[in-house]
Amino acid sequence: MSCVFCDSDGGTVLWRDASLRVVLADEPGYPGFCRVIWNTHVAEFSDLDAPSRAHLMETVAAVERAVRQVMKPGKVNLASLGNQVPHVHWHVIPRYADDAHFPKPIWAAPERDVAEVRINERAALSAGLHDAVVREMQTLAPTAAGGMQ
């Protein structure tokens, strides 16, 4: 069976190491939406050993910090579902009171239309995520700092 995260990067790579990668996802209407994807095909978080789980969650926290700094959202949503793609990954989603789905999850029915100008403003901000993610990853333990910049 084919897996999108085994067959492709799953977005524009912002940072990578031997274990995982951080990508800027192409989610229409949601600039700054990132994913932290475990590189090997593992379906469940609990299948990872303790050091791997810790590394993954430290990375999720680092990406959340970068998203908050760059995107200035009202809230950040973190989600690990894997129902459609059974490959360990976390969503890091900047949320705004005027986004299409707020206050519901982005996978719910839209609540409103969002002006293209707002989406374009947020897309322009997202260009700073690469550098912010690299900076945040460099603050982690030496094993994490060795990733692709």
N, C-alpha and C. Protein backbone atom coordinates (compact mmCIF):
# COMPACT_ATOMS: atom_id res chain seq x y z
N MET A 1 0.83 -1.18 0.00
CA MET A 1 0.00 0.00 0.00
C MET A 1 0.88 1.25 0.00
N SER A 2 0.52 2.21 -0.79
CA SER A 2 1.28 3.45 -0.92
C SER A 2 1.01 4.39 0.26
N CYS A 3 2.03 5.15 0.65
CA CYS A 3 1.91 6.11 1.75
C CYS A 3 2.46 7.44 1.26
N VAL A 4 1.66 8.49 1.34
CA VAL A 4 2.07 9.80 0.85
C VAL A 4 3.32 10.30 1.58
N PHE A 5 3.48 9.98 2.86
CA PHE A 5 4.64 10.47 3.60
C PHE A 5 5.88 9.59 3.42
N CYS A 6 5.70 8.40 2.86
CA CYS A 6 6.84 7.58 2.47
C CYS A 6 7.26 7.91 1.04
N ASP A 7 6.29 8.27 0.21
CA ASP A 7 6.53 8.50 -1.21
C ASP A 7 6.95 9.92 -1.53
N SER A 8 6.71 10.87 -0.61
CA SER A 8 7.07 12.27 -0.86
C SER A 8 7.38 12.95 0.47
N ASP A 9 7.92 14.16 0.39
CA ASP A 9 8.23 14.91 1.61
C ASP A 9 6.98 15.35 2.35
N GLY A 10 5.86 15.49 1.65
CA GLY A 10 4.62 15.91 2.29
C GLY A 10 4.47 17.41 2.42
N GLY A 11 5.32 18.16 1.75
CA GLY A 11 5.30 19.62 1.78
C GLY A 11 6.69 20.15 1.52
N THR A 12 6.85 21.44 1.68
CA THR A 12 8.15 22.08 1.51
C THR A 12 8.97 21.87 2.77
N VAL A 13 10.10 21.21 2.66
CA VAL A 13 10.91 20.89 3.83
C VAL A 13 11.53 22.16 4.41
N LEU A 14 11.27 22.37 5.69
CA LEU A 14 11.85 23.50 6.43
C LEU A 14 13.07 23.06 7.24
N TRP A 15 13.06 21.80 7.66
CA TRP A 15 14.15 21.25 8.48
C TRP A 15 14.04 19.74 8.46
N ARG A 16 15.19 19.06 8.55
CA ARG A 16 15.18 17.59 8.52
C ARG A 16 16.39 17.08 9.29
N ASP A 17 16.20 15.93 9.93
CA ASP A 17 17.33 15.19 10.48
C ASP A 17 17.12 13.72 10.12
N ALA A 18 17.90 12.84 10.70
CA ALA A 18 17.82 11.42 10.35
C ALA A 18 16.49 10.78 10.75
N SER A 19 15.79 11.36 11.71
CA SER A 19 14.56 10.76 12.24
C SER A 19 13.27 11.36 11.71
N LEU A 20 13.27 12.67 11.46
CA LEU A 20 12.02 13.34 11.13
C LEU A 20 12.27 14.55 10.24
N ARG A 21 11.17 15.11 9.77
CA ARG A 21 11.26 16.33 8.98
C ARG A 21 10.11 17.25 9.36
N VAL A 22 10.35 18.54 9.16
CA VAL A 22 9.34 19.57 9.38
C VAL A 22 9.04 20.15 8.01
N VAL A 23 7.75 20.15 7.66
CA VAL A 23 7.36 20.67 6.34
C VAL A 23 6.31 21.75 6.48
N LEU A 24 6.34 22.67 5.53
CA LEU A 24 5.27 23.64 5.36
C LEU A 24 4.27 22.98 4.43
N ALA A 25 3.08 22.73 4.94
CA ALA A 25 2.07 22.00 4.18
C ALA A 25 1.37 22.93 3.19
N ASP A 26 0.85 22.37 2.14
CA ASP A 26 0.08 23.12 1.16
C ASP A 26 -1.40 22.92 1.48
N GLU A 27 -1.87 23.66 2.47
CA GLU A 27 -3.27 23.57 2.90
C GLU A 27 -3.96 24.87 2.51
N PRO A 28 -4.81 24.83 1.49
CA PRO A 28 -5.47 26.06 1.03
C PRO A 28 -6.18 26.79 2.16
N GLY A 29 -5.92 28.08 2.25
CA GLY A 29 -6.54 28.91 3.27
C GLY A 29 -5.82 28.90 4.60
N TYR A 30 -4.76 28.10 4.72
CA TYR A 30 -4.05 27.98 5.99
C TYR A 30 -2.53 28.13 5.82
N PRO A 31 -2.08 29.31 5.40
CA PRO A 31 -0.63 29.52 5.34
C PRO A 31 -0.01 29.35 6.72
N GLY A 32 1.17 28.79 6.76
CA GLY A 32 1.85 28.57 8.03
C GLY A 32 1.54 27.23 8.66
N PHE A 33 0.67 26.45 8.04
CA PHE A 33 0.31 25.11 8.53
C PHE A 33 1.54 24.22 8.32
N CYS A 34 2.08 23.69 9.40
CA CYS A 34 3.26 22.83 9.33
C CYS A 34 2.91 21.41 9.76
N ARG A 35 3.75 20.49 9.32
CA ARG A 35 3.66 19.11 9.80
C ARG A 35 5.04 18.67 10.26
N VAL A 36 5.06 17.89 11.31
CA VAL A 36 6.28 17.22 11.78
C VAL A 36 6.03 15.75 11.46
N ILE A 37 6.85 15.20 10.57
CA ILE A 37 6.62 13.85 10.04
C ILE A 37 7.79 12.94 10.40
N TRP A 38 7.50 11.82 11.04
CA TRP A 38 8.52 10.82 11.33
C TRP A 38 8.94 10.22 10.00
N ASN A 39 10.23 10.06 9.76
CA ASN A 39 10.71 9.62 8.44
C ASN A 39 10.34 8.18 8.09
N THR A 40 10.48 7.27 9.04
CA THR A 40 10.16 5.87 8.74
C THR A 40 8.66 5.63 8.93
N HIS A 41 8.15 4.64 8.24
CA HIS A 41 6.71 4.36 8.31
C HIS A 41 6.40 3.63 9.61
N VAL A 42 5.90 4.41 10.56
CA VAL A 42 5.44 3.91 11.85
C VAL A 42 4.03 4.44 11.99
N ALA A 43 3.08 3.58 12.29
CA ALA A 43 1.68 3.99 12.32
C ALA A 43 1.27 4.67 13.63
N GLU A 44 1.84 4.25 14.75
CA GLU A 44 1.38 4.75 16.04
C GLU A 44 2.53 5.35 16.85
N PHE A 45 2.24 6.46 17.51
CA PHE A 45 3.20 7.16 18.35
C PHE A 45 3.80 6.22 19.39
N SER A 46 2.98 5.35 19.97
CA SER A 46 3.46 4.44 21.02
C SER A 46 4.38 3.35 20.49
N ASP A 47 4.49 3.21 19.17
CA ASP A 47 5.43 2.26 18.58
C ASP A 47 6.86 2.80 18.58
N LEU A 48 7.03 4.10 18.81
CA LEU A 48 8.36 4.69 18.89
C LEU A 48 8.95 4.42 20.27
N ASP A 49 10.28 4.30 20.34
CA ASP A 49 10.90 4.15 21.65
C ASP A 49 10.89 5.51 22.38
N ALA A 50 11.18 5.49 23.66
CA ALA A 50 11.08 6.70 24.48
C ALA A 50 11.94 7.85 23.96
N PRO A 51 13.21 7.63 23.61
CA PRO A 51 13.99 8.76 23.09
C PRO A 51 13.41 9.33 21.78
N SER A 52 12.87 8.46 20.93
CA SER A 52 12.27 8.94 19.68
C SER A 52 11.02 9.75 19.95
N ARG A 53 10.19 9.29 20.88
CA ARG A 53 8.99 10.05 21.25
C ARG A 53 9.37 11.42 21.80
N ALA A 54 10.40 11.46 22.64
CA ALA A 54 10.85 12.72 23.21
C ALA A 54 11.35 13.66 22.12
N HIS A 55 12.14 13.13 21.20
CA HIS A 55 12.66 13.96 20.10
C HIS A 55 11.52 14.51 19.25
N LEU A 56 10.54 13.68 18.95
CA LEU A 56 9.39 14.11 18.15
C LEU A 56 8.64 15.23 18.87
N MET A 57 8.36 15.06 20.14
CA MET A 57 7.58 16.06 20.85
C MET A 57 8.36 17.35 21.10
N GLU A 58 9.67 17.25 21.31
CA GLU A 58 10.48 18.47 21.42
C GLU A 58 10.46 19.23 20.09
N THR A 59 10.45 18.49 18.99
CA THR A 59 10.38 19.12 17.67
C THR A 59 9.02 19.79 17.47
N VAL A 60 7.95 19.11 17.86
CA VAL A 60 6.61 19.72 17.75
C VAL A 60 6.57 21.03 18.54
N ALA A 61 7.12 21.03 19.75
CA ALA A 61 7.14 22.25 20.56
C ALA A 61 7.97 23.34 19.88
N ALA A 62 9.11 22.98 19.31
CA ALA A 62 9.95 23.96 18.61
C ALA A 62 9.22 24.55 17.41
N VAL A 63 8.51 23.72 16.67
CA VAL A 63 7.76 24.21 15.51
C VAL A 63 6.62 25.11 15.98
N GLU A 64 5.95 24.74 17.05
CA GLU A 64 4.89 25.61 17.58
C GLU A 64 5.45 26.98 17.94
N ARG A 65 6.61 27.01 18.60
CA ARG A 65 7.23 28.29 18.95
C ARG A 65 7.53 29.11 17.70
N ALA A 66 8.07 28.46 16.67
CA ALA A 66 8.38 29.16 15.42
C ALA A 66 7.11 29.71 14.77
N VAL A 67 6.06 28.91 14.74
CA VAL A 67 4.78 29.36 14.15
C VAL A 67 4.24 30.55 14.93
N ARG A 68 4.31 30.50 16.24
CA ARG A 68 3.81 31.62 17.05
C ARG A 68 4.61 32.90 16.78
N GLN A 69 5.94 32.76 16.68
CA GLN A 69 6.78 33.94 16.44
C GLN A 69 6.49 34.57 15.08
N VAL A 70 6.39 33.74 14.07
CA VAL A 70 6.30 34.23 12.69
C VAL A 70 4.87 34.59 12.28
N MET A 71 3.94 33.71 12.58
CA MET A 71 2.57 33.86 12.07
C MET A 71 1.68 34.72 12.98
N LYS A 72 2.05 34.88 14.24
CA LYS A 72 1.27 35.66 15.21
C LYS A 72 -0.20 35.23 15.26
N PRO A 73 -0.46 33.93 15.40
CA PRO A 73 -1.86 33.48 15.46
C PRO A 73 -2.49 33.79 16.81
N GLY A 74 -3.81 33.73 16.85
CA GLY A 74 -4.50 33.86 18.12
C GLY A 74 -4.36 32.59 18.94
N LYS A 75 -4.17 31.47 18.26
CA LYS A 75 -4.06 30.15 18.90
C LYS A 75 -3.31 29.23 17.95
N VAL A 76 -2.68 28.20 18.48
CA VAL A 76 -2.07 27.16 17.66
C VAL A 76 -2.76 25.84 18.01
N ASN A 77 -3.19 25.12 16.99
CA ASN A 77 -3.76 23.78 17.21
C ASN A 77 -2.69 22.75 16.91
N LEU A 78 -2.60 21.73 17.74
CA LEU A 78 -1.74 20.58 17.53
C LEU A 78 -2.64 19.37 17.36
N ALA A 79 -2.35 18.55 16.37
CA ALA A 79 -3.17 17.36 16.15
C ALA A 79 -2.32 16.24 15.58
N SER A 80 -2.61 15.03 16.05
CA SER A 80 -2.01 13.84 15.48
C SER A 80 -3.15 12.85 15.29
N LEU A 81 -3.62 12.75 14.06
CA LEU A 81 -4.78 11.92 13.79
C LEU A 81 -4.38 10.62 13.10
N GLY A 82 -3.84 10.71 11.90
CA GLY A 82 -3.38 9.53 11.20
C GLY A 82 -4.47 8.62 10.71
N ASN A 83 -5.71 9.08 10.68
CA ASN A 83 -6.80 8.22 10.21
C ASN A 83 -6.70 7.96 8.71
N GLN A 84 -6.33 8.97 7.95
CA GLN A 84 -6.22 8.82 6.50
C GLN A 84 -4.80 8.46 6.08
N VAL A 85 -3.82 8.86 6.86
CA VAL A 85 -2.42 8.56 6.57
C VAL A 85 -1.82 7.93 7.84
N PRO A 86 -1.81 6.59 7.93
CA PRO A 86 -1.31 5.94 9.14
C PRO A 86 0.22 5.93 9.19
N HIS A 87 0.77 7.12 9.33
CA HIS A 87 2.22 7.34 9.39
C HIS A 87 2.37 8.47 10.42
N VAL A 88 3.13 8.24 11.48
CA VAL A 88 3.20 9.20 12.57
C VAL A 88 3.57 10.59 12.05
N HIS A 89 2.69 11.54 12.35
CA HIS A 89 2.93 12.94 12.01
C HIS A 89 2.06 13.82 12.90
N TRP A 90 2.52 15.04 13.11
CA TRP A 90 1.79 16.03 13.90
C TRP A 90 1.50 17.23 13.03
N HIS A 91 0.31 17.78 13.18
CA HIS A 91 -0.09 19.02 12.52
C HIS A 91 0.14 20.16 13.50
N VAL A 92 0.74 21.25 13.03
CA VAL A 92 0.93 22.46 13.82
C VAL A 92 0.25 23.57 13.02
N ILE A 93 -0.91 24.02 13.51
CA ILE A 93 -1.80 24.85 12.71
C ILE A 93 -2.03 26.21 13.37
N PRO A 94 -1.58 27.30 12.72
CA PRO A 94 -1.90 28.62 13.26
C PRO A 94 -3.40 28.90 13.04
N ARG A 95 -4.05 29.40 14.09
CA ARG A 95 -5.49 29.67 14.02
C ARG A 95 -5.75 31.15 14.33
N TYR A 96 -6.76 31.66 13.66
CA TYR A 96 -7.16 33.05 13.81
C TYR A 96 -8.67 33.10 13.96
N ALA A 97 -9.18 34.10 14.69
CA ALA A 97 -10.61 34.22 14.92
C ALA A 97 -11.37 34.40 13.62
N ASP A 98 -10.69 34.87 12.56
CA ASP A 98 -11.38 35.06 11.28
C ASP A 98 -11.03 33.99 10.25
N ASP A 99 -10.39 32.88 10.67
CA ASP A 99 -10.14 31.83 9.68
C ASP A 99 -11.45 31.12 9.34
N ALA A 100 -11.45 30.36 8.29
CA ALA A 100 -12.69 29.80 7.73
C ALA A 100 -13.43 28.87 8.68
N HIS A 101 -12.73 28.25 9.61
CA HIS A 101 -13.36 27.23 10.45
C HIS A 101 -13.46 27.60 11.93
N PHE A 102 -12.80 28.68 12.33
CA PHE A 102 -12.75 29.05 13.74
C PHE A 102 -14.15 29.22 14.31
N PRO A 103 -14.45 28.69 15.48
CA PRO A 103 -13.58 28.07 16.47
C PRO A 103 -13.48 26.55 16.33
N LYS A 104 -14.07 26.00 15.28
CA LYS A 104 -14.08 24.55 15.10
C LYS A 104 -12.75 24.09 14.48
N PRO A 105 -12.49 22.77 14.48
CA PRO A 105 -11.28 22.25 13.83
C PRO A 105 -11.31 22.56 12.33
N ILE A 106 -10.14 22.64 11.75
CA ILE A 106 -10.09 22.99 10.33
C ILE A 106 -10.69 21.92 9.44
N TRP A 107 -10.93 20.74 9.97
CA TRP A 107 -11.53 19.67 9.18
C TRP A 107 -13.05 19.68 9.25
N ALA A 108 -13.63 20.61 10.02
CA ALA A 108 -15.08 20.75 10.12
C ALA A 108 -15.60 21.55 8.92
N ALA A 109 -16.89 21.71 8.84
CA ALA A 109 -17.48 22.55 7.80
C ALA A 109 -17.07 24.00 8.04
N PRO A 110 -16.78 24.74 6.97
CA PRO A 110 -16.39 26.15 7.15
C PRO A 110 -17.50 26.97 7.79
N GLU A 111 -17.09 27.93 8.58
CA GLU A 111 -18.01 28.86 9.24
C GLU A 111 -18.20 30.15 8.44
N ARG A 112 -17.20 30.49 7.61
CA ARG A 112 -17.20 31.78 6.90
C ARG A 112 -16.22 31.73 5.75
N ASP A 113 -16.35 32.68 4.84
CA ASP A 113 -15.35 32.90 3.81
C ASP A 113 -14.30 33.84 4.38
N VAL A 114 -13.09 33.71 3.90
CA VAL A 114 -12.00 34.57 4.35
C VAL A 114 -11.51 35.37 3.15
N ALA A 115 -11.33 36.65 3.36
CA ALA A 115 -10.86 37.53 2.28
C ALA A 115 -9.48 37.07 1.80
N GLU A 116 -9.32 37.03 0.49
CA GLU A 116 -8.02 36.64 -0.10
C GLU A 116 -6.88 37.50 0.43
N VAL A 117 -7.14 38.76 0.69
CA VAL A 117 -6.09 39.65 1.18
C VAL A 117 -5.55 39.15 2.52
N ARG A 118 -6.41 38.62 3.40
CA ARG A 118 -5.96 38.09 4.69
C ARG A 118 -5.10 36.84 4.48
N ILE A 119 -5.55 35.97 3.59
CA ILE A 119 -4.78 34.76 3.31
C ILE A 119 -3.43 35.12 2.71
N ASN A 120 -3.42 36.09 1.80
CA ASN A 120 -2.16 36.51 1.18
C ASN A 120 -1.21 37.15 2.19
N GLU A 121 -1.75 37.92 3.14
CA GLU A 121 -0.92 38.50 4.20
C GLU A 121 -0.27 37.40 5.03
N ARG A 122 -1.04 36.38 5.36
CA ARG A 122 -0.51 35.27 6.14
C ARG A 122 0.49 34.45 5.33
N ALA A 123 0.24 34.30 4.05
CA ALA A 123 1.19 33.58 3.18
C ALA A 123 2.52 34.32 3.15
N ALA A 124 2.49 35.63 3.10
CA ALA A 124 3.73 36.41 3.11
C ALA A 124 4.49 36.19 4.42
N LEU A 125 3.78 36.13 5.53
CA LEU A 125 4.44 35.86 6.81
C LEU A 125 5.11 34.49 6.82
N SER A 126 4.44 33.51 6.22
CA SER A 126 4.95 32.13 6.29
C SER A 126 6.31 31.96 5.64
N ALA A 127 6.73 32.91 4.82
CA ALA A 127 8.07 32.86 4.22
C ALA A 127 9.16 32.88 5.29
N GLY A 128 8.86 33.39 6.48
CA GLY A 128 9.85 33.44 7.56
C GLY A 128 9.93 32.18 8.39
N LEU A 129 9.12 31.19 8.07
CA LEU A 129 9.10 29.99 8.91
C LEU A 129 10.38 29.16 8.81
N HIS A 130 10.99 29.08 7.65
CA HIS A 130 12.21 28.27 7.52
C HIS A 130 13.25 28.72 8.55
N ASP A 131 13.58 30.01 8.54
CA ASP A 131 14.61 30.50 9.45
C ASP A 131 14.20 30.34 10.91
N ALA A 132 12.93 30.57 11.20
CA ALA A 132 12.46 30.44 12.59
C ALA A 132 12.52 29.00 13.07
N VAL A 133 12.16 28.05 12.21
CA VAL A 133 12.23 26.64 12.59
C VAL A 133 13.68 26.23 12.82
N VAL A 134 14.57 26.65 11.94
CA VAL A 134 16.00 26.33 12.11
C VAL A 134 16.51 26.89 13.44
N ARG A 135 16.18 28.14 13.75
CA ARG A 135 16.61 28.74 15.03
C ARG A 135 16.08 27.93 16.22
N GLU A 136 14.80 27.58 16.17
CA GLU A 136 14.22 26.83 17.28
C GLU A 136 14.84 25.44 17.41
N MET A 137 15.11 24.79 16.30
CA MET A 137 15.71 23.45 16.35
C MET A 137 17.13 23.52 16.89
N GLN A 138 17.82 24.60 16.66
CA GLN A 138 19.18 24.75 17.17
C GLN A 138 19.21 24.92 18.69
N THR A 139 18.07 25.24 19.29
CA THR A 139 18.02 25.36 20.75
C THR A 139 17.85 24.02 21.44
N LEU A 140 17.56 22.97 20.66
CA LEU A 140 17.35 21.64 21.24
C LEU A 140 18.68 20.95 21.48
N ALA A 141 18.59 19.74 21.99
CA ALA A 141 19.78 18.93 22.28
C ALA A 141 20.65 18.78 21.04
N PRO A 142 21.94 18.49 21.21
CA PRO A 142 22.87 18.39 20.09
C PRO A 142 22.42 17.42 18.99
N THR A 143 21.73 16.34 19.31
CA THR A 143 21.30 15.41 18.27
C THR A 143 20.28 16.06 17.34
N ALA A 144 19.45 16.95 17.87
CA ALA A 144 18.46 17.61 17.03
C ALA A 144 19.10 18.70 16.19
N ALA A 145 20.13 19.35 16.72
CA ALA A 145 20.74 20.48 16.02
C ALA A 145 21.50 20.04 14.76
N GLY A 146 21.71 18.76 14.59
CA GLY A 146 22.47 18.29 13.45
C GLY A 146 21.66 18.15 12.17
N GLY A 147 20.45 18.60 12.17
CA GLY A 147 19.58 18.44 10.99
C GLY A 147 19.92 19.38 9.85
N MET A 148 19.22 19.14 8.73
CA MET A 148 19.34 19.98 7.55
C MET A 148 18.84 21.38 7.88
N GLN A 149 19.56 22.37 7.42
CA GLN A 149 19.15 23.74 7.67
C GLN A 149 18.88 24.38 6.35
